[in-house]
Amino acid sequence: MRIETSLFILYVADQRRSESFYRALLGKGPSLDVPGMTEFTLSAGCKLGLMPEAGIARIVSGPLRHPAE
C-alpha cells in the first residue's frame, strides 16, 4: 500500500522567523530544516513547508510575478 503525502508550501519573507512562529504554534520542531526549506510533519500524510520567497522567485522567474508582489 502506498501512502500519499500532501505538502502545502507557504512562501515566506523570512524563513527563520517563520520557522520560529510555526514551531511555537505547532508545539514541535521541524522534520526538515535546511537553507531554502523548512517542513513540519502535521500528520502521516500531510506536511507544511516554508520556502523563502526569494528561493521560489528564482525557480519561477519570468512567467510569474515575484511572490512578494
Protein backbone atom coordinates (compact mmCIF):
# COMPACT_ATOMS: atom_id res chain seq x y z
CA MET A 1 0.00 0.00 0.00
CA ARG A 2 1.34 3.41 -0.96
CA ILE A 3 0.76 6.35 1.37
CA GLU A 4 0.43 9.70 -0.37
CA THR A 5 1.72 12.84 1.31
CA SER A 6 0.29 16.30 0.74
CA LEU A 7 2.79 19.14 1.05
CA PHE A 8 1.46 22.65 1.50
CA ILE A 9 4.17 25.24 0.86
CA LEU A 10 3.97 28.78 2.18
CA TYR A 11 6.30 31.30 0.56
CA VAL A 12 7.68 33.43 3.39
CA ALA A 13 9.74 36.61 3.61
CA ASP A 14 11.91 35.28 6.46
CA GLN A 15 12.44 31.53 6.81
CA ARG A 16 13.97 31.69 10.33
CA ARG A 17 11.24 33.94 11.70
CA SER A 18 8.51 31.79 10.14
CA GLU A 19 10.13 28.60 11.47
CA SER A 20 10.11 30.06 14.98
CA PHE A 21 6.46 31.08 14.64
CA TYR A 22 5.29 27.65 13.43
CA ARG A 23 7.48 25.85 15.99
CA ALA A 24 5.64 27.78 18.75
CA LEU A 25 2.22 27.43 17.10
CA LEU A 26 2.51 23.68 16.49
CA GLY A 27 4.43 22.91 19.67
CA LYS A 28 7.09 20.87 17.88
CA GLY A 29 10.20 21.25 15.79
CA PRO A 30 10.50 20.82 12.05
CA SER A 31 11.07 17.44 10.40
CA LEU A 32 13.33 19.13 7.82
CA ASP A 33 15.23 22.38 8.26
CA VAL A 34 17.75 23.29 5.57
CA PRO A 35 18.54 26.55 3.80
CA GLY A 36 15.64 27.12 1.40
CA MET A 37 13.07 24.80 3.03
CA THR A 38 11.63 24.03 6.44
CA GLU A 39 8.99 21.30 6.80
CA PHE A 40 6.71 20.38 9.65
CA THR A 41 5.02 16.98 9.64
CA LEU A 42 1.39 17.64 10.57
CA SER A 43 0.19 14.03 10.22
CA ALA A 44 1.24 10.81 8.48
CA GLY A 45 0.07 12.19 5.15
CA CYS A 46 0.43 15.94 5.50
CA LYS A 47 3.35 18.36 5.72
CA LEU A 48 3.66 22.13 5.92
CA GLY A 49 6.60 23.63 4.06
CA LEU A 50 8.13 27.07 4.46
CA MET A 51 10.15 28.34 1.50
CA PRO A 52 11.74 31.77 1.26
CA GLU A 53 10.02 33.85 -1.40
CA ALA A 54 13.42 34.69 -2.88
CA GLY A 55 14.00 30.96 -3.46
CA ILE A 56 10.75 30.35 -5.31
CA ALA A 57 11.26 33.57 -7.29
CA ARG A 58 14.47 32.10 -8.75
CA ILE A 59 12.60 28.93 -9.74
CA VAL A 60 9.60 30.60 -11.42
CA SER A 61 11.13 33.89 -12.54
CA GLY A 62 9.92 35.07 -15.89
CA PRO A 63 6.43 33.63 -16.34
CA LEU A 64 5.18 34.53 -12.86
CA ARG A 65 5.36 37.65 -10.72
CA HIS A 66 7.66 37.75 -7.69
CA PRO A 67 5.85 36.21 -4.66
CA ALA A 68 6.33 39.39 -2.63
CA GLU A 69 4.05 41.17 -5.10
